Structure formats: structure tokens, C-alpha cells
């Protein structure tokens, strides 16, 4: 009875392990650490010599059944991400390192741009609130003080143009030249605030293809290993395929956050540039008021003679 139970257990173990290990072959010798099978009581044996002869064979079969599980555990340990990286080809390693560096750059740009955009947006909103009730350029500059926002640069450009255009009676020309200066300042600020977003777009667009290159290279090496070893055993094919898929995974890890962060910053930057446009309009209105006050306060001899 014991021998029958052992045989059934051995068969079931072999079937289950062959389905898990995908046909992995067992070439190792018997395990010296295997425990001997318990001996049956003397009263229940009808031929102690026959039972003692078959017990070592059953014990060896149980040992052979447990050996594929140990091989599978060893293979699983060898297919960890770090071990796959260490055993990868030099080209695949270079691809993985490059993609990891690209991911680090992505998160660095994200942190830096998040801090920068938060600071400039809050500062510009506060500056617009300060000059909301200003009646002239000088009053607006006094309200802002030493603020380093783009609104301060726009007000300074408006006052400089008004000073350089002193004695010119054409208000339209003054406003046109001031608007040209405003456009240059706004374009420069737009280029500055978008700094780093091109890098995010490049990483998001190219990382999947770089990871795919590592995948193709790893699969090629796997096929080369198959041709050299003259075998199709999964233990030979699996490491190279796993390394190739790891390169693809790292490429996606670098690309997906880069695309999401780029889209987020595109929306935030658009909102900030709208505030910049409002600042340009506020500076233009203050300049127009100053020009109108200049004409109202200046004497008009022709009108005076006509009145006389």
C-alpha cells in the first residue's frame, strides 16, 4: 500500500512540475540529503526482503520529483531585474542605463518646472492685483517695488518708450513702438518658461523605440545562443528574452511619465502665458493714460487764439 501511494505521488509530482517548468529536463544525480523512507512495521510486512529492495527505488523517485522544484526556484532567482541587468549584453546594458538616465532627467525637470511655474504664477497674480487701481506707470511701478516679475519689465519698457518719445506728438507711434517692445518681452518669456519641455517631448517620443532596440538586440542574442547550444530548452531561451523585455519595460517607464508631465506643463504654461498677456495689456493701458494726461495738461495756443 505504501509503495502504491508513493508511486501515485511521484506521478502527480512529475505531471505538475512538468507543466510549471515547461518540459525542463532533469540531469542531476540523486540528492545525498534525501531522507530515507520510513520502514513499515514487521507485523504488516509479508516479505521484508522485497520491501527493503523497493524502498530505495521509491525514495530515489521522490527525490527526483522534488529536484525540478529546486531548479525552478533557482531559475526564478536568476530572473530578477538586477540579475537580468548584470547578465545582459553590453548593448542592452547601455540601453537600460540610458533609459534610466532619461527617466531621472524627466523627474528632475518635473520638480524644477513645478517649483518655477508655481512661483512665477503666484508672483504675477499678486503683481496684477497690486496695480489694479494704479492710475499711471509711475504709480504702478511704485506699487510693485522691486518685484522681479515680467510685469515690472513691461512697465519699465513702457516708461522707457514714453521717455524716448518725449516731444513727439503722435500717440499712435508711441503705442506702436511700446507694443513692439511688449511683444519681444512676451516672446522671450515664452521661450524661457518652455525651457526643458522640449527635452520631455524628446524623451517621451524616443524612449519606447530605444527600449524596442534593446528588445530586438536581446532576442537576437537569444537566437544566437540557441544556434550555438543546439537546443531549444527554455532555460537557454528565457534569460535573453527576459533581458529584452526588461529593456522594453524600462523604455515605457521612461516614456509614459515624460508624456504625462509634458501634457501637464503644456496646460500650466498656457495659463501662465495668459497671465503674461494680461500684464502686457495692463502696461499698455497705463501708457495710454499717461499719454492722454500729457495732452490734456499741455497748452494749446491755437485753441486759445481761436477763443479770443
Protein backbone atom coordinates (compact mmCIF):
# COMPACT_ATOMS: atom_id res chain seq x y z
CA UNK A 1 0.00 0.00 0.00
CA UNK A 2 2.80 2.39 0.86
CA UNK A 3 4.56 1.66 -2.40
CA UNK A 4 1.38 2.38 -4.38
CA UNK A 5 0.86 5.70 -2.61
CA UNK A 6 4.46 6.69 -3.30
CA UNK A 7 4.13 5.83 -6.98
CA UNK A 8 0.93 7.88 -7.31
CA UNK A 9 2.62 10.82 -5.56
CA UNK A 10 5.63 10.60 -7.83
CA UNK A 11 3.43 10.58 -10.95
CA UNK A 12 1.38 13.57 -9.78
CA UNK A 13 4.52 15.49 -8.84
CA UNK A 14 6.09 14.87 -12.23
CA UNK A 15 2.92 15.98 -14.05
CA UNK A 16 2.56 19.20 -12.05
CA UNK A 17 6.23 20.12 -12.26
CA UNK A 18 6.42 19.41 -15.98
CA UNK A 19 3.51 21.82 -16.58
CA UNK A 20 5.20 24.52 -14.47
CA UNK A 21 8.78 24.07 -15.74
CA UNK A 22 7.64 23.68 -19.41
CA UNK A 23 9.48 20.42 -20.03
CA UNK A 24 12.68 21.18 -18.12
CA UNK A 25 14.93 18.10 -18.18
CA UNK A 26 16.32 16.52 -15.01
CA UNK A 27 20.03 15.63 -15.41
CA UNK A 28 21.33 15.85 -11.83
CA UNK A 29 22.23 12.84 -9.69
CA UNK A 30 20.46 11.68 -6.55
CA UNK A 31 20.26 14.10 -3.64
CA UNK A 32 22.51 13.00 -0.78
CA UNK A 33 20.34 14.94 1.69
CA UNK A 34 17.25 12.93 0.92
CA UNK A 35 15.67 11.31 3.98
CA UNK A 36 15.19 7.53 3.95
CA UNK A 37 11.70 6.20 3.67
CA UNK A 38 10.16 5.06 6.99
CA UNK A 39 10.21 1.35 7.48
CA UNK A 40 6.92 -0.49 7.81
CA UNK A 41 6.12 -2.46 10.97
CA UNK A 42 7.18 -6.08 10.93
CA UNK A 43 3.64 -7.29 11.54
CA UNK A 44 2.36 -5.68 8.35
CA UNK A 45 5.13 -6.91 6.00
CA UNK A 46 4.83 -10.13 4.03
CA UNK A 47 8.35 -10.25 2.65
CA UNK A 48 10.80 -7.90 4.30
CA UNK A 49 13.44 -8.52 1.66
CA UNK A 50 11.18 -7.36 -1.18
CA UNK A 51 10.08 -4.21 0.68
CA UNK A 52 13.63 -3.28 1.61
CA UNK A 53 14.63 -3.68 -2.03
CA UNK A 54 11.89 -1.42 -3.40
CA UNK A 55 12.16 1.30 -0.69
CA UNK A 56 15.41 2.85 -2.04
CA UNK A 57 13.90 2.99 -5.52
CA UNK A 58 10.79 4.79 -4.23
CA UNK A 59 12.99 7.15 -2.20
CA UNK A 60 15.08 7.99 -5.30
CA UNK A 61 11.90 8.63 -7.31
CA UNK A 62 10.62 11.07 -4.67
CA UNK A 63 14.00 12.81 -4.69
CA UNK A 64 13.88 13.13 -8.49
CA UNK A 65 10.36 14.59 -8.22
CA UNK A 66 11.50 17.29 -5.78
CA UNK A 67 14.54 18.23 -7.85
CA UNK A 68 12.67 20.22 -10.63
CA UNK A 69 11.15 22.46 -7.94
CA UNK A 70 14.62 23.41 -6.73
CA UNK A 71 15.72 24.10 -10.31
CA UNK A 72 12.66 26.28 -10.90
CA UNK A 73 13.33 28.29 -7.72
CA UNK A 74 16.94 28.84 -8.82
CA UNK A 75 15.75 30.00 -12.25
CA UNK A 76 13.28 32.41 -10.68
CA UNK A 77 16.01 33.91 -8.54
CA UNK A 78 18.22 34.30 -11.59
CA UNK A 79 15.45 36.18 -13.48
CA UNK A 80 15.28 39.06 -11.02
CA UNK A 81 15.63 42.54 -12.63
CA UNK A 82 19.08 43.15 -11.16
CA UNK A 83 20.45 39.75 -12.19
CA UNK A 84 18.98 40.19 -15.68
CA UNK A 85 20.72 43.55 -15.95
CA UNK A 86 24.06 42.09 -14.83
CA UNK A 87 23.81 39.18 -17.27
CA UNK A 88 22.64 41.30 -20.21
CA UNK A 89 24.73 42.11 -23.27
CA UNK A 90 26.79 45.31 -23.22
CA UNK A 91 24.50 46.95 -25.78
CA UNK A 92 21.38 46.07 -23.79
CA UNK A 93 23.07 47.38 -20.64
CA UNK A 94 23.86 50.66 -22.39
CA UNK A 95 20.22 50.94 -23.48
CA UNK A 96 18.97 50.30 -19.95
CA UNK A 97 21.38 52.82 -18.41
CA UNK A 98 20.43 55.45 -20.98
CA UNK A 99 16.73 54.94 -20.36
CA UNK A 100 17.23 55.07 -16.59
CA UNK A 101 19.13 58.35 -17.00
CA UNK A 102 16.33 59.70 -19.21
CA UNK A 103 13.81 58.82 -16.51
CA UNK A 104 15.96 60.63 -13.93
CA UNK A 105 16.10 63.70 -16.18
CA UNK A 106 12.32 63.59 -16.60
CA UNK A 107 11.65 63.69 -12.87
CA UNK A 108 14.33 66.36 -12.35
CA UNK A 109 12.68 68.58 -14.97
CA UNK A 110 9.30 67.89 -13.40
CA UNK A 111 10.40 69.03 -9.93
CA UNK A 112 12.28 72.08 -11.24
CA UNK A 113 9.49 73.25 -13.55
CA UNK A 114 6.80 72.67 -10.96
CA UNK A 115 8.61 74.90 -8.47
CA UNK A 116 9.37 77.54 -11.13
CA UNK A 117 5.83 77.71 -12.53
CA UNK A 118 4.27 77.83 -9.08
CA UNK A 119 6.50 80.76 -8.04
CA UNK A 120 6.07 82.82 -11.22
CA UNK A 121 2.31 82.31 -11.38
CA UNK A 122 1.77 83.36 -7.79
CA UNK A 123 4.08 86.36 -8.19
CA UNK A 124 2.40 87.56 -11.39
CA UNK A 125 -1.10 87.22 -9.96
CA UNK A 126 -0.04 89.20 -6.89
CA UNK A 127 1.54 91.89 -9.10
CA UNK A 128 -1.62 92.24 -11.18
CA UNK A 129 -3.65 92.69 -8.02
CA UNK A 130 -1.29 95.41 -6.81
CA UNK A 131 -1.57 97.53 -9.95
CA UNK A 132 -5.29 97.00 -10.43
CA UNK A 133 -6.04 100.52 -9.05
CA UNK A 134 -2.91 102.27 -10.37
CA UNK A 135 -3.59 105.41 -12.46
CA UNK A 136 -0.18 105.83 -14.10
CA UNK A 137 3.00 103.98 -14.94
CA UNK A 138 4.90 105.66 -12.12
CA UNK A 139 2.23 104.73 -9.60
CA UNK A 140 2.20 101.12 -10.82
CA UNK A 141 5.99 100.85 -10.54
CA UNK A 142 5.86 102.29 -7.04
CA UNK A 143 3.21 99.73 -6.07
CA UNK A 144 5.28 96.85 -7.40
CA UNK A 145 8.54 97.98 -5.81
CA UNK A 146 11.48 95.69 -6.58
CA UNK A 147 9.34 92.85 -7.92
CA UNK A 148 11.12 90.66 -10.43
CA UNK A 149 8.04 89.66 -12.40
CA UNK A 150 7.54 90.17 -16.09
CA UNK A 151 5.05 92.92 -15.29
CA UNK A 152 7.89 95.02 -13.90
CA UNK A 153 9.80 94.59 -17.17
CA UNK A 154 6.75 95.56 -19.20
CA UNK A 155 6.19 98.71 -17.13
CA UNK A 156 9.88 99.61 -17.43
CA UNK A 157 9.71 99.16 -21.22
CA UNK A 158 6.61 101.39 -21.39
CA UNK A 159 8.24 104.16 -19.35
CA UNK A 160 11.41 103.97 -21.41
CA UNK A 161 9.47 104.32 -24.64
CA UNK A 162 7.49 107.25 -23.23
CA UNK A 163 10.73 108.96 -22.19
CA UNK A 164 12.43 108.36 -25.56
CA UNK A 165 9.36 109.60 -27.42
CA UNK A 166 9.14 112.88 -25.49
CA UNK A 167 8.33 115.76 -27.83
CA UNK A 168 6.65 113.50 -30.42
CA UNK A 169 3.03 114.45 -30.90
CA UNK A 170 1.98 111.11 -32.49
CA UNK A 171 0.45 108.93 -29.77
CA UNK A 172 -0.16 106.12 -32.24
CA UNK A 173 3.55 105.87 -32.97
CA UNK A 174 4.41 105.73 -29.27
CA UNK A 175 1.85 102.99 -28.64
CA UNK A 176 3.03 101.01 -31.66
CA UNK A 177 6.65 101.11 -30.56
CA UNK A 178 5.65 100.16 -26.99
CA UNK A 179 3.57 97.24 -28.32
CA UNK A 180 6.60 96.04 -30.29
CA UNK A 181 8.70 96.11 -27.13
CA UNK A 182 5.97 94.25 -25.26
CA UNK A 183 5.87 91.54 -27.94
CA UNK A 184 9.62 90.98 -27.68
CA UNK A 185 9.42 90.67 -23.89
CA UNK A 186 6.47 88.26 -24.09
CA UNK A 187 8.23 86.07 -26.68
CA UNK A 188 11.38 85.95 -24.57
CA UNK A 189 9.34 84.97 -21.51
CA UNK A 190 7.52 82.30 -23.51
CA UNK A 191 10.83 80.77 -24.62
CA UNK A 192 12.18 80.90 -21.07
CA UNK A 193 9.15 79.29 -19.46
CA UNK A 194 9.13 76.45 -22.02
CA UNK A 195 12.75 75.59 -21.33
CA UNK A 196 13.00 71.86 -20.62
CA UNK A 197 9.69 70.92 -22.20
CA UNK A 198 11.38 70.04 -25.47
CA UNK A 199 13.53 67.56 -23.57
CA UNK A 200 10.40 65.97 -22.08
CA UNK A 201 8.86 65.67 -25.54
CA UNK A 202 12.02 64.05 -26.90
CA UNK A 203 12.18 61.52 -24.07
CA UNK A 204 8.50 60.68 -24.38
CA UNK A 205 8.74 60.19 -28.14
CA UNK A 206 12.01 58.24 -28.38
CA UNK A 207 12.21 56.12 -25.21
CA UNK A 208 9.83 53.37 -26.45
CA UNK A 209 11.86 52.99 -29.64
CA UNK A 210 15.15 52.89 -27.73
CA UNK A 211 13.69 50.20 -25.48
CA UNK A 212 12.50 48.34 -28.57
CA UNK A 213 16.03 48.44 -29.95
CA UNK A 214 17.26 46.79 -26.74
CA UNK A 215 14.50 44.20 -27.08
CA UNK A 216 15.48 43.32 -30.65
CA UNK A 217 19.13 43.09 -29.70
CA UNK A 218 18.39 40.81 -26.73
CA UNK A 219 16.22 38.49 -28.82
CA UNK A 220 18.94 38.31 -31.47
CA UNK A 221 21.44 37.27 -28.80
CA UNK A 222 18.96 34.64 -27.56
CA UNK A 223 18.68 33.12 -31.02
CA UNK A 224 22.46 33.16 -31.38
CA UNK A 225 22.70 31.27 -28.07
CA UNK A 226 20.16 28.73 -29.32
CA UNK A 227 22.14 28.14 -32.51
CA UNK A 228 25.37 27.67 -30.57
CA UNK A 229 23.94 25.34 -27.92
CA UNK A 230 21.90 23.32 -30.43
CA UNK A 231 18.93 23.23 -28.04
CA UNK A 232 15.52 24.80 -27.64
CA UNK A 233 15.38 24.37 -23.87
CA UNK A 234 13.55 27.16 -22.09
CA UNK A 235 16.46 27.57 -19.66
CA UNK A 236 18.60 28.72 -22.60
CA UNK A 237 16.00 30.92 -24.30
CA UNK A 238 14.34 32.54 -21.28
CA UNK A 239 17.21 34.74 -19.95
CA UNK A 240 17.79 36.56 -23.23
CA UNK A 241 14.07 37.11 -23.81
CA UNK A 242 13.67 38.35 -20.23
CA UNK A 243 16.52 40.82 -20.69
CA UNK A 244 14.95 42.02 -23.93
CA UNK A 245 11.57 42.54 -22.29
CA UNK A 246 13.24 44.35 -19.39
CA UNK A 247 14.68 46.88 -21.85
CA UNK A 248 11.20 47.46 -23.26
CA UNK A 249 9.76 47.88 -19.76
CA UNK A 250 12.39 50.46 -18.81
CA UNK A 251 11.66 52.33 -22.05
CA UNK A 252 7.98 52.52 -21.16
CA UNK A 253 8.82 53.57 -17.60
CA UNK A 254 10.82 56.47 -19.03
CA UNK A 255 8.34 57.42 -21.78
CA UNK A 256 4.96 57.32 -20.04
CA UNK A 257 5.79 59.81 -17.22
CA UNK A 258 7.53 62.09 -19.73
CA UNK A 259 4.41 62.31 -21.90
CA UNK A 260 2.11 62.88 -18.92
CA UNK A 261 4.39 65.55 -17.42
CA UNK A 262 4.75 67.29 -20.80
CA UNK A 263 0.98 67.50 -21.25
CA UNK A 264 0.57 68.81 -17.69
CA UNK A 265 3.17 71.52 -18.19
CA UNK A 266 1.67 72.45 -21.56
CA UNK A 267 -1.60 73.28 -19.78
CA UNK A 268 0.11 75.12 -16.92
CA UNK A 269 2.33 77.09 -19.29
CA UNK A 270 -0.67 78.11 -21.35
CA UNK A 271 -2.34 79.51 -18.23
CA UNK A 272 0.81 81.41 -17.29
CA UNK A 273 1.15 82.92 -20.77
CA UNK A 274 -2.45 84.13 -20.49
CA UNK A 275 -1.40 86.00 -17.34
CA UNK A 276 1.54 87.42 -19.28
CA UNK A 277 -0.86 88.67 -21.96
CA UNK A 278 -2.97 90.33 -19.28
CA UNK A 279 0.16 92.01 -17.92
CA UNK A 280 1.05 93.33 -21.37
CA UNK A 281 -2.46 94.74 -21.77
CA UNK A 282 -2.29 96.40 -18.33
CA UNK A 283 1.03 98.07 -19.17
CA UNK A 284 -0.37 99.29 -22.50
CA UNK A 285 -3.43 100.81 -20.82
CA UNK A 286 -1.32 102.64 -18.26
CA UNK A 287 0.87 104.05 -21.05
CA UNK A 288 -2.19 105.21 -22.94
CA UNK A 289 -3.50 107.01 -19.85
CA UNK A 290 -0.19 108.77 -19.33
CA UNK A 291 -0.17 109.96 -22.95
CA UNK A 292 -3.74 111.27 -22.66
CA UNK A 293 -2.89 113.17 -19.47
CA UNK A 294 0.13 114.71 -21.16
CA UNK A 295 -2.05 116.14 -23.94
CA UNK A 296 -4.69 117.40 -21.52
CA UNK A 297 -2.15 119.25 -19.36
CA UNK A 298 -0.17 120.73 -22.29
CA UNK A 299 -1.18 124.27 -23.50
CA UNK A 300 -2.85 124.68 -26.86
CA UNK A 301 -2.02 128.14 -28.35
CA UNK A 302 -4.16 127.64 -31.46
CA UNK A 303 -7.28 126.96 -29.46
CA UNK A 304 -6.55 129.91 -27.21
CA UNK A 305 -6.22 132.30 -30.17
CA UNK A 306 -9.41 130.94 -31.69
CA UNK A 307 -11.23 131.53 -28.41
CA UNK A 308 -10.03 135.10 -28.29
